[in-house]
Amino acid sequence: MPRLSDSMTEGTIVRWLKADGDEVSRGEELVEVETDKATVGYEAEDAGTLSIRQPEGAVVAVGAVIAVIGAGTPVAAADAPAAAADAPVAVSAAPVAVSAAPGAVSAAPPAAASAPPAVAGAPGAAGRVKASPLARRLARDLGVELSALSGSGPHGRVVKSDVMAAAANGGAAAEPSPSHEEVQELTRTQSLIARRMAESRGTVPEFALEVEVDMGGVLEMRRELTALAEPGPSLNDIIVKACALALRRHPRANGSFSGERFVLHPRVNVAVAVAVEGSLLTPVIRDADARSLGEIARDSRGLIQRARAGELTPAELDGATFTISNLGMFGIDRFEGIINAPQAAILCVGAVRDRPVARDGEVVIRPIASMTLAADHRILYGADAAAFLVDVQGFLEHPLRMVA
């Protein structure tokens, strides 16, 4: 089991793409593995006979053998513990993006006997159905044939609602009655989010600061840039740029607290919160302070599209030094987020609203957005956080400073 992200300690085998005893070639995809950040596939770096040592559904520690490639008789998964020492060549593999959607339930122990059965009739690697790991698990539990479904997700991907609808229309199990409670097991991604947010709220002494930002200049600049070239930057892209420039000015805001030390990161990598089915992902725009608005716009669109299509790689989710969460598109005026530790802060952006404000002794209507900074008081003190947030406000209210 390879380490596919910085924080990964174990992985779940979602699906073997080759059967036990198959001959495999170097570079051929073998298996889909769910990590703490995404579901990825990996390829063989050796050629030979595949001997599977861990079944689908098994939760395996990083570094443990899940299969071997070499000559000889394949070893059944149930015999894995006894046969592991005789493995001729350990599988060496390189990660390949498959899906960032939530995956199989992580509560299953690694023993082969407890693993859930594979979906009967599921297509092989050459023509496999595009489906989220959660949809695959539900299809196994409900006896639904994935290959018979038309996916409603991105690029025709089968998602949870497709499986539930099929089960209700003649599948082996009916949708739960509204009169009974529905119990939903956490996916590995949901479990990780729950644990990290609880740890952050319980251990980080955070405080919040709020400013109201006049977005008139940003809206005008966005209209002009969109008329010049596509893709034009979104409001969020411009906010990313403003934060990145302010982070470069305030190294502690771009840092993290570690034990009894401040860690000041040399790169400004801004994560953007993206809601996906049943989860929340934070793809990272790297070196955002050094990138143009056009580059940020292209990177952001690509990351968001891959996040919603379930195609992000762990590398695209690692390494953030700061996070932006924007709920303005949902009509939320203001909110306070939970810091994604060990980052020092998170900026929460509300909707742009026309509001009355005082200007030169007169009341005028201006497009105003509320922005709230939640900060870790161990590394960012009140004055530090205020100076950073005021700099973000200044860049947004005078946007030409960002391109000067």
Protein backbone atom coordinates (compact mmCIF):
# COMPACT_ATOMS: atom_id res chain seq x y z
CA MET A 1 0.00 0.00 0.00
CA PRO A 2 1.75 3.15 -1.19
CA ARG A 3 1.58 6.49 0.63
CA LEU A 4 -0.42 8.64 -1.76
CA SER A 5 -0.79 11.78 0.40
CA ASP A 6 1.18 13.44 3.17
CA SER A 7 -1.36 12.52 5.85
CA MET A 8 -2.21 9.00 4.61
CA THR A 9 -1.66 6.16 7.11
CA GLU A 10 -3.92 3.52 5.52
CA GLY A 11 -5.96 2.96 2.40
CA THR A 12 -9.09 1.07 1.39
CA ILE A 13 -9.00 -1.20 -1.65
CA VAL A 14 -12.05 -0.04 -3.59
CA ARG A 15 -11.77 -2.31 -6.64
CA TRP A 16 -9.27 -4.62 -8.28
CA LEU A 17 -9.09 -3.91 -12.01
CA LYS A 18 -7.28 -7.20 -12.74
CA ALA A 19 -8.15 -10.67 -11.46
CA ASP A 20 -5.98 -12.91 -9.29
CA GLY A 21 -3.70 -14.91 -11.57
CA ASP A 22 -3.88 -12.49 -14.51
CA GLU A 23 -0.77 -11.67 -16.47
CA VAL A 24 -0.12 -7.94 -16.19
CA SER A 25 2.14 -5.62 -18.14
CA ARG A 26 4.21 -2.77 -16.88
CA GLY A 27 2.10 0.43 -16.77
CA GLU A 28 -1.22 -1.46 -16.64
CA GLU A 29 -3.76 -0.20 -14.08
CA LEU A 30 -4.23 -2.70 -11.27
CA VAL A 31 -6.44 -1.33 -8.50
CA GLU A 32 -8.37 1.66 -7.17
CA VAL A 33 -7.41 2.72 -3.64
CA GLU A 34 -9.24 5.20 -1.42
CA THR A 35 -6.92 7.40 0.62
CA ASP A 36 -7.78 10.02 3.23
CA LYS A 37 -8.10 12.61 0.47
CA ALA A 38 -9.18 10.91 -2.74
CA THR A 39 -9.70 7.65 -4.58
CA VAL A 40 -6.83 6.95 -6.96
CA GLY A 41 -5.63 4.11 -9.09
CA TYR A 42 -2.13 2.85 -9.51
CA GLU A 43 -0.22 1.02 -12.21
CA ALA A 44 2.20 -1.87 -12.16
CA GLU A 45 5.86 -1.07 -12.63
CA ASP A 46 6.67 -4.76 -13.18
CA ALA A 47 5.29 -7.41 -15.54
CA GLY A 48 4.26 -10.90 -14.50
CA THR A 49 1.54 -12.90 -12.77
CA LEU A 50 -0.64 -10.94 -10.33
CA SER A 51 -1.20 -12.53 -6.94
CA ILE A 52 -3.77 -10.58 -4.91
CA ARG A 53 -3.14 -10.58 -1.16
CA GLN A 54 -5.89 -8.21 0.03
CA PRO A 55 -9.51 -8.19 -1.23
CA GLU A 56 -11.83 -5.35 -2.17
CA GLY A 57 -13.02 -3.48 0.91
CA ALA A 58 -9.91 -4.25 2.97
CA VAL A 59 -8.39 -1.39 4.96
CA VAL A 60 -4.61 -1.77 4.74
CA ALA A 61 -1.81 0.14 6.46
CA VAL A 62 0.69 2.04 4.32
CA GLY A 63 3.60 -0.26 3.49
CA ALA A 64 1.69 -3.52 3.89
CA VAL A 65 1.61 -5.90 0.91
CA ILE A 66 -1.67 -5.89 -1.02
CA ALA A 67 -0.45 -7.95 -3.99
CA VAL A 68 2.70 -9.29 -5.62
CA ILE A 69 3.74 -9.60 -9.23
CA GLY A 70 5.97 -12.44 -10.27
CA ALA A 71 6.11 -15.97 -11.64
CA GLY A 72 4.33 -18.89 -10.01
CA THR A 73 0.91 -19.93 -8.78
CA PRO A 74 -1.32 -17.07 -7.57
CA VAL A 75 -2.16 -17.00 -3.86
CA ALA A 76 -5.80 -16.66 -2.78
CA ALA A 77 -6.70 -13.62 -0.67
CA ALA A 78 -7.82 -15.83 2.23
CA ASP A 79 -4.30 -17.32 2.41
CA ALA A 80 -2.61 -13.91 2.33
CA PRO A 81 -1.08 -13.86 5.84
CA ALA A 82 0.65 -17.22 5.43
CA ALA A 83 1.82 -16.59 1.89
CA ALA A 84 3.06 -13.01 2.19
CA ALA A 85 6.58 -14.06 3.19
CA ASP A 86 6.95 -16.12 0.00
CA ALA A 87 6.03 -13.24 -2.30
CA PRO A 88 8.57 -13.07 -5.15
CA VAL A 89 8.28 -9.38 -6.02
CA ALA A 90 6.30 -6.69 -4.19
CA VAL A 91 4.04 -4.58 -6.38
CA SER A 92 5.67 -1.24 -7.13
CA ALA A 93 3.18 1.28 -8.42
CA ALA A 94 2.68 4.85 -9.48
CA PRO A 95 -0.56 6.71 -8.61
CA VAL A 96 -3.03 7.62 -11.35
CA ALA A 97 -6.04 9.89 -10.82
CA VAL A 98 -9.40 8.10 -10.71
CA SER A 99 -11.80 9.86 -8.37
CA ALA A 100 -11.92 12.31 -5.50
CA ALA A 101 -15.44 11.40 -4.51
CA PRO A 102 -16.19 9.75 -1.14
CA GLY A 103 -15.40 6.06 -1.09
CA ALA A 104 -16.14 2.77 0.63
CA VAL A 105 -16.83 2.57 4.35
CA SER A 106 -13.53 2.48 6.23
CA ALA A 107 -14.75 0.52 9.22
CA ALA A 108 -14.08 -2.87 7.62
CA PRO A 109 -11.07 -4.67 9.16
CA PRO A 110 -8.28 -5.75 6.82
CA ALA A 111 -9.02 -9.47 7.17
CA ALA A 112 -10.14 -10.96 3.88
CA ALA A 113 -13.07 -12.84 5.39
CA SER A 114 -14.80 -9.60 6.43
CA ALA A 115 -14.54 -7.83 3.08
CA PRO A 116 -17.79 -7.12 1.19
CA PRO A 117 -18.42 -9.14 -1.96
CA ALA A 118 -17.72 -7.60 -5.34
CA VAL A 119 -20.66 -6.39 -7.43
CA ALA A 120 -21.92 -9.26 -9.55
CA GLY A 121 -21.55 -8.67 -13.23
CA ALA A 122 -19.53 -5.43 -12.88
CA PRO A 123 -17.62 -4.65 -16.10
CA GLY A 124 -13.88 -5.28 -16.19
CA ALA A 125 -11.10 -2.73 -16.47
CA ALA A 126 -11.49 -2.30 -20.21
CA GLY A 127 -15.13 -1.15 -19.98
CA ARG A 128 -15.76 -0.37 -16.33
CA VAL A 129 -18.72 1.75 -15.32
CA LYS A 130 -17.93 5.25 -14.10
CA ALA A 131 -19.29 5.39 -10.56
CA SER A 132 -18.38 6.97 -7.25
CA PRO A 133 -17.03 4.56 -4.61
CA LEU A 134 -20.09 5.34 -2.46
CA ALA A 135 -22.38 4.35 -5.36
CA ARG A 136 -20.41 1.10 -5.79
CA ARG A 137 -20.80 0.23 -2.12
CA LEU A 138 -24.55 0.95 -2.19
CA ALA A 139 -24.93 -1.09 -5.38
CA ARG A 140 -23.29 -4.07 -3.63
CA ASP A 141 -25.48 -3.65 -0.55
CA LEU A 142 -28.73 -3.21 -2.52
CA GLY A 143 -28.06 -5.72 -5.28
CA VAL A 144 -28.20 -3.12 -8.05
CA GLU A 145 -26.37 -3.79 -11.33
CA LEU A 146 -24.22 -0.73 -12.03
CA SER A 147 -23.82 -1.52 -15.73
CA ALA A 148 -27.59 -1.15 -16.19
CA LEU A 149 -27.70 2.41 -14.83
CA SER A 150 -27.46 5.74 -16.62
CA GLY A 151 -25.40 8.04 -14.44
CA SER A 152 -26.66 11.53 -13.62
CA GLY A 153 -23.29 12.71 -12.28
CA PRO A 154 -20.59 14.58 -14.18
CA HIS A 155 -19.60 12.86 -17.45
CA GLY A 156 -22.31 10.22 -16.92
CA ARG A 157 -20.90 9.08 -13.59
CA VAL A 158 -23.21 6.89 -11.48
CA VAL A 159 -23.80 8.51 -8.09
CA LYS A 160 -25.67 7.58 -4.90
CA SER A 161 -29.04 8.97 -6.05
CA ASP A 162 -28.93 6.81 -9.22
CA VAL A 163 -28.42 3.63 -7.18
CA MET A 164 -31.14 4.55 -4.68
CA ALA A 165 -33.62 5.30 -7.50
CA ALA A 166 -32.84 1.97 -9.18
CA ALA A 167 -33.33 0.10 -5.91
CA ALA A 168 -36.72 1.77 -5.44
CA ASN A 169 -37.80 0.78 -8.95
CA GLY A 170 -37.53 -2.98 -8.69
CA GLY A 171 -34.09 -3.53 -7.17
CA ALA A 172 -33.38 -6.04 -4.42
CA ALA A 173 -33.97 -3.46 -1.70
CA ALA A 174 -36.49 -0.66 -1.39
CA GLU A 175 -35.72 2.90 -0.42
CA PRO A 176 -36.12 3.34 3.36
CA SER A 177 -39.59 4.32 4.50
CA PRO A 178 -39.92 7.97 5.57
CA SER A 179 -41.38 6.72 8.86
CA HIS A 180 -38.10 5.05 9.81
CA GLU A 181 -34.73 6.58 10.54
CA GLU A 182 -32.11 6.20 7.85
CA VAL A 183 -28.62 5.43 9.16
CA GLN A 184 -25.79 6.45 6.86
CA GLU A 185 -22.27 5.24 7.55
CA LEU A 186 -19.52 7.82 7.13
CA THR A 187 -17.26 7.49 4.14
CA ARG A 188 -13.53 7.73 4.78
CA THR A 189 -13.55 11.32 3.52
CA GLN A 190 -16.48 12.29 5.76
CA SER A 191 -14.87 10.55 8.73
CA LEU A 192 -11.62 12.41 8.11
CA ILE A 193 -13.41 15.77 7.84
CA ALA A 194 -15.34 15.09 11.05
CA ARG A 195 -12.18 14.13 12.95
CA ARG A 196 -10.09 17.04 11.72
CA MET A 197 -12.79 19.65 12.31
CA ALA A 198 -13.44 18.33 15.83
CA GLU A 199 -9.70 18.37 16.55
CA SER A 200 -9.38 21.90 15.18
CA ARG A 201 -12.32 23.24 17.17
CA GLY A 202 -11.14 21.46 20.31
CA THR A 203 -7.45 22.37 20.17
CA VAL A 204 -7.08 25.63 18.21
CA PRO A 205 -7.73 28.86 20.18
CA GLU A 206 -9.35 30.71 17.31
CA PHE A 207 -10.92 34.15 17.08
CA ALA A 208 -12.73 35.96 14.27
CA LEU A 209 -12.47 39.38 12.65
CA GLU A 210 -14.89 40.80 10.07
CA VAL A 211 -14.73 43.59 7.50
CA GLU A 212 -17.16 44.83 4.89
CA VAL A 213 -15.57 45.22 1.48
CA ASP A 214 -16.77 47.53 -1.30
CA MET A 215 -16.61 45.24 -4.34
CA GLY A 216 -17.46 47.90 -6.94
CA GLY A 217 -13.91 48.12 -8.30
CA VAL A 218 -13.57 44.32 -8.46
CA LEU A 219 -16.86 43.96 -10.35
CA GLU A 220 -15.79 46.60 -12.87
CA MET A 221 -12.34 45.05 -13.37
CA ARG A 222 -13.91 41.62 -13.83
CA ARG A 223 -16.26 42.95 -16.54
CA GLU A 224 -13.33 44.50 -18.41
CA LEU A 225 -11.11 41.41 -18.13
CA THR A 226 -13.93 39.10 -19.24
CA ALA A 227 -14.47 41.25 -22.34
CA LEU A 228 -10.77 40.96 -23.20
CA ALA A 229 -10.18 37.24 -22.79
CA GLU A 230 -11.80 33.96 -21.78
CA PRO A 231 -11.92 32.59 -19.26
CA GLY A 232 -12.45 35.81 -17.35
CA PRO A 233 -11.68 35.61 -13.64
CA SER A 234 -14.49 34.90 -11.21
CA LEU A 235 -14.94 37.00 -8.09
CA ASN A 236 -13.39 34.14 -6.14
CA ASP A 237 -10.33 34.13 -8.43
CA ILE A 238 -9.76 37.82 -7.67
CA ILE A 239 -10.20 37.16 -3.94
CA VAL A 240 -7.60 34.37 -4.19
CA LYS A 241 -5.15 36.82 -5.76
CA ALA A 242 -5.83 39.49 -3.12
CA CYS A 243 -5.31 37.00 -0.30
CA ALA A 244 -2.14 35.63 -1.88
CA LEU A 245 -0.57 39.08 -2.14
CA ALA A 246 -1.55 39.87 1.45
CA LEU A 247 -0.15 36.52 2.62
CA ARG A 248 3.19 37.37 1.04
CA ARG A 249 3.21 40.59 3.10
CA HIS A 250 2.23 38.79 6.32
CA PRO A 251 4.30 35.58 6.62
CA ARG A 252 2.69 34.44 9.87
CA ALA A 253 -0.75 34.43 8.19
CA ASN A 254 0.81 32.06 5.64
CA GLY A 255 2.39 29.96 8.37
CA SER A 256 1.34 27.31 10.85
CA PHE A 257 1.78 26.50 14.52
CA SER A 258 3.71 23.30 15.21
CA GLY A 259 4.45 22.29 18.78
CA GLU A 260 6.46 25.16 20.19
CA ARG A 261 7.43 26.62 16.81
CA PHE A 262 6.15 28.85 14.07
CA VAL A 263 6.57 27.32 10.60
CA LEU A 264 6.71 30.04 7.93
CA HIS A 265 6.09 28.55 4.50
CA PRO A 266 8.11 29.84 1.53
CA ARG A 267 5.29 29.25 -0.98
CA VAL A 268 1.80 30.78 -0.97
CA ASN A 269 -0.60 27.93 -1.78
CA VAL A 270 -4.26 28.89 -1.47
CA ALA A 271 -6.92 26.19 -1.08
CA VAL A 272 -10.47 26.83 -2.30
CA ALA A 273 -13.35 24.95 -0.66
CA VAL A 274 -15.48 23.06 -3.22
CA ALA A 275 -18.71 21.25 -2.32
CA VAL A 276 -19.11 17.84 -3.97
CA GLU A 277 -21.62 15.06 -3.47
CA GLY A 278 -21.59 14.11 0.20
CA SER A 279 -18.30 15.83 0.95
CA LEU A 280 -16.10 18.92 0.83
CA LEU A 281 -12.80 19.15 -1.05
CA THR A 282 -10.14 21.87 -0.97
CA PRO A 283 -8.04 21.83 -4.16
CA VAL A 284 -4.93 24.01 -4.04
CA ILE A 285 -3.85 26.88 -6.29
CA ARG A 286 -0.07 26.85 -5.92
CA ASP A 287 2.14 29.96 -5.88
CA ALA A 288 -0.97 32.11 -6.16
CA ASP A 289 0.97 35.27 -5.28
CA ALA A 290 3.18 34.87 -8.37
CA ARG A 291 0.43 33.94 -10.84
CA SER A 292 -1.60 36.29 -13.02
CA LEU A 293 -5.37 36.52 -12.66
CA GLY A 294 -5.71 34.66 -15.97
CA GLU A 295 -3.55 31.79 -14.73
CA ILE A 296 -5.47 31.63 -11.46
CA ALA A 297 -8.76 31.58 -13.38
CA ARG A 298 -7.63 28.69 -15.60
CA ASP A 299 -6.20 26.69 -12.70
CA SER A 300 -9.26 27.30 -10.55
CA ARG A 301 -11.73 26.21 -13.23
CA GLY A 302 -9.76 23.07 -13.97
CA LEU A 303 -9.50 22.12 -10.29
CA ILE A 304 -13.20 22.75 -9.62
CA GLN A 305 -14.26 20.73 -12.67
CA ARG A 306 -12.04 17.81 -11.67
CA ALA A 307 -13.29 18.00 -8.09
CA ARG A 308 -16.93 17.73 -9.17
CA ALA A 309 -16.09 14.99 -11.67
CA GLY A 310 -14.21 13.04 -8.98
CA GLU A 311 -10.89 13.26 -10.81
CA LEU A 312 -8.61 15.16 -8.40
CA THR A 313 -5.32 13.59 -7.41
CA PRO A 314 -3.98 13.65 -3.83
CA ALA A 315 -1.21 16.02 -4.98
CA GLU A 316 -3.87 18.58 -5.98
CA LEU A 317 -5.28 18.48 -2.44
CA ASP A 318 -1.99 18.69 -0.52
CA GLY A 319 0.25 21.56 0.51
CA ALA A 320 -2.21 24.40 1.19
CA THR A 321 -1.00 27.22 3.45
CA PHE A 322 -4.32 29.14 3.59
CA THR A 323 -7.98 28.41 2.77
CA ILE A 324 -10.83 30.45 1.29
CA SER A 325 -14.46 29.36 1.73
CA ASN A 326 -17.03 31.29 -0.31
CA LEU A 327 -20.74 30.71 0.34
CA GLY A 328 -21.85 33.91 -1.37
CA MET A 329 -23.31 31.98 -4.30
CA PHE A 330 -25.73 30.33 -1.83
CA GLY A 331 -26.98 33.71 -0.61
CA ILE A 332 -25.14 33.56 2.73
CA ASP A 333 -24.22 37.03 3.99
CA ARG A 334 -21.62 36.13 6.63
CA PHE A 335 -20.30 33.06 8.42
CA GLU A 336 -17.35 31.82 10.43
CA GLY A 337 -15.45 28.75 9.22
CA ILE A 338 -13.33 26.24 11.11
CA ILE A 339 -9.58 26.50 10.54
CA ASN A 340 -8.07 23.65 8.56
CA ALA A 341 -5.23 22.98 11.01
CA PRO A 342 -2.29 23.42 10.98
CA GLN A 343 -3.01 26.45 8.77
CA ALA A 344 -3.08 29.77 10.61
CA ALA A 345 -6.38 31.07 9.23
CA ILE A 346 -9.37 30.69 6.90
CA LEU A 347 -11.20 33.51 5.09
CA CYS A 348 -14.99 33.18 4.82
CA VAL A 349 -16.65 35.18 2.04
CA GLY A 350 -20.31 36.17 1.93
CA ALA A 351 -22.60 37.34 -0.84
CA VAL A 352 -22.15 40.67 -2.62
CA ARG A 353 -25.21 42.79 -1.77
CA ASP A 354 -26.25 46.31 -2.69
CA ARG A 355 -26.19 48.17 0.63
CA PRO A 356 -26.52 51.80 1.74
CA VAL A 357 -23.21 53.26 2.88
CA ALA A 358 -22.02 56.75 3.82
CA ARG A 359 -19.70 58.41 1.28
CA ASP A 360 -18.58 62.05 1.64
CA GLY A 361 -21.53 62.89 3.84
CA GLU A 362 -24.09 61.23 1.56
CA VAL A 363 -25.81 57.84 1.59
CA VAL A 364 -25.10 55.84 -1.56
CA ILE A 365 -25.77 52.26 -2.64
CA ARG A 366 -22.66 50.13 -3.09
CA PRO A 367 -22.01 46.39 -3.72
CA ILE A 368 -20.74 45.19 -0.34
CA ALA A 369 -19.43 41.75 0.73
CA SER A 370 -18.77 40.65 4.29
CA MET A 371 -15.49 38.80 4.85
CA THR A 372 -14.67 37.02 8.10
CA LEU A 373 -11.21 35.80 9.04
CA ALA A 374 -10.97 32.96 11.58
CA ALA A 375 -7.41 32.91 12.96
CA ASP A 376 -5.31 30.71 15.25
CA HIS A 377 -4.37 32.94 18.19
CA ARG A 378 -1.21 30.90 18.84
CA ILE A 379 0.43 32.26 15.68
CA LEU A 380 -1.74 35.24 14.63
CA TYR A 381 -2.44 37.80 17.33
CA GLY A 382 -5.23 40.33 17.02
CA ALA A 383 -3.16 43.09 15.46
CA ASP A 384 -1.46 40.66 13.04
CA ALA A 385 -4.77 39.25 11.84
CA ALA A 386 -6.29 42.74 11.55
CA ALA A 387 -3.37 44.01 9.46
CA PHE A 388 -3.65 41.03 7.11
CA LEU A 389 -7.43 41.38 6.71
CA VAL A 390 -7.19 45.13 6.09
CA ASP A 391 -4.59 44.45 3.38
CA VAL A 392 -7.00 41.99 1.70
CA GLN A 393 -9.70 44.65 1.90
CA GLY A 394 -7.34 47.24 0.40
CA PHE A 395 -6.42 45.06 -2.58
CA LEU A 396 -10.09 44.36 -3.33
CA GLU A 397 -11.24 47.96 -2.98
CA HIS A 398 -8.33 49.17 -5.15
CA PRO A 399 -7.91 46.17 -7.51
CA LEU A 400 -5.43 47.83 -9.85
CA ARG A 401 -2.88 47.41 -7.06
CA MET A 402 -3.04 43.68 -7.75
CA VAL A 403 -1.86 44.04 -11.34
CA ALA A 404 0.49 47.00 -10.92
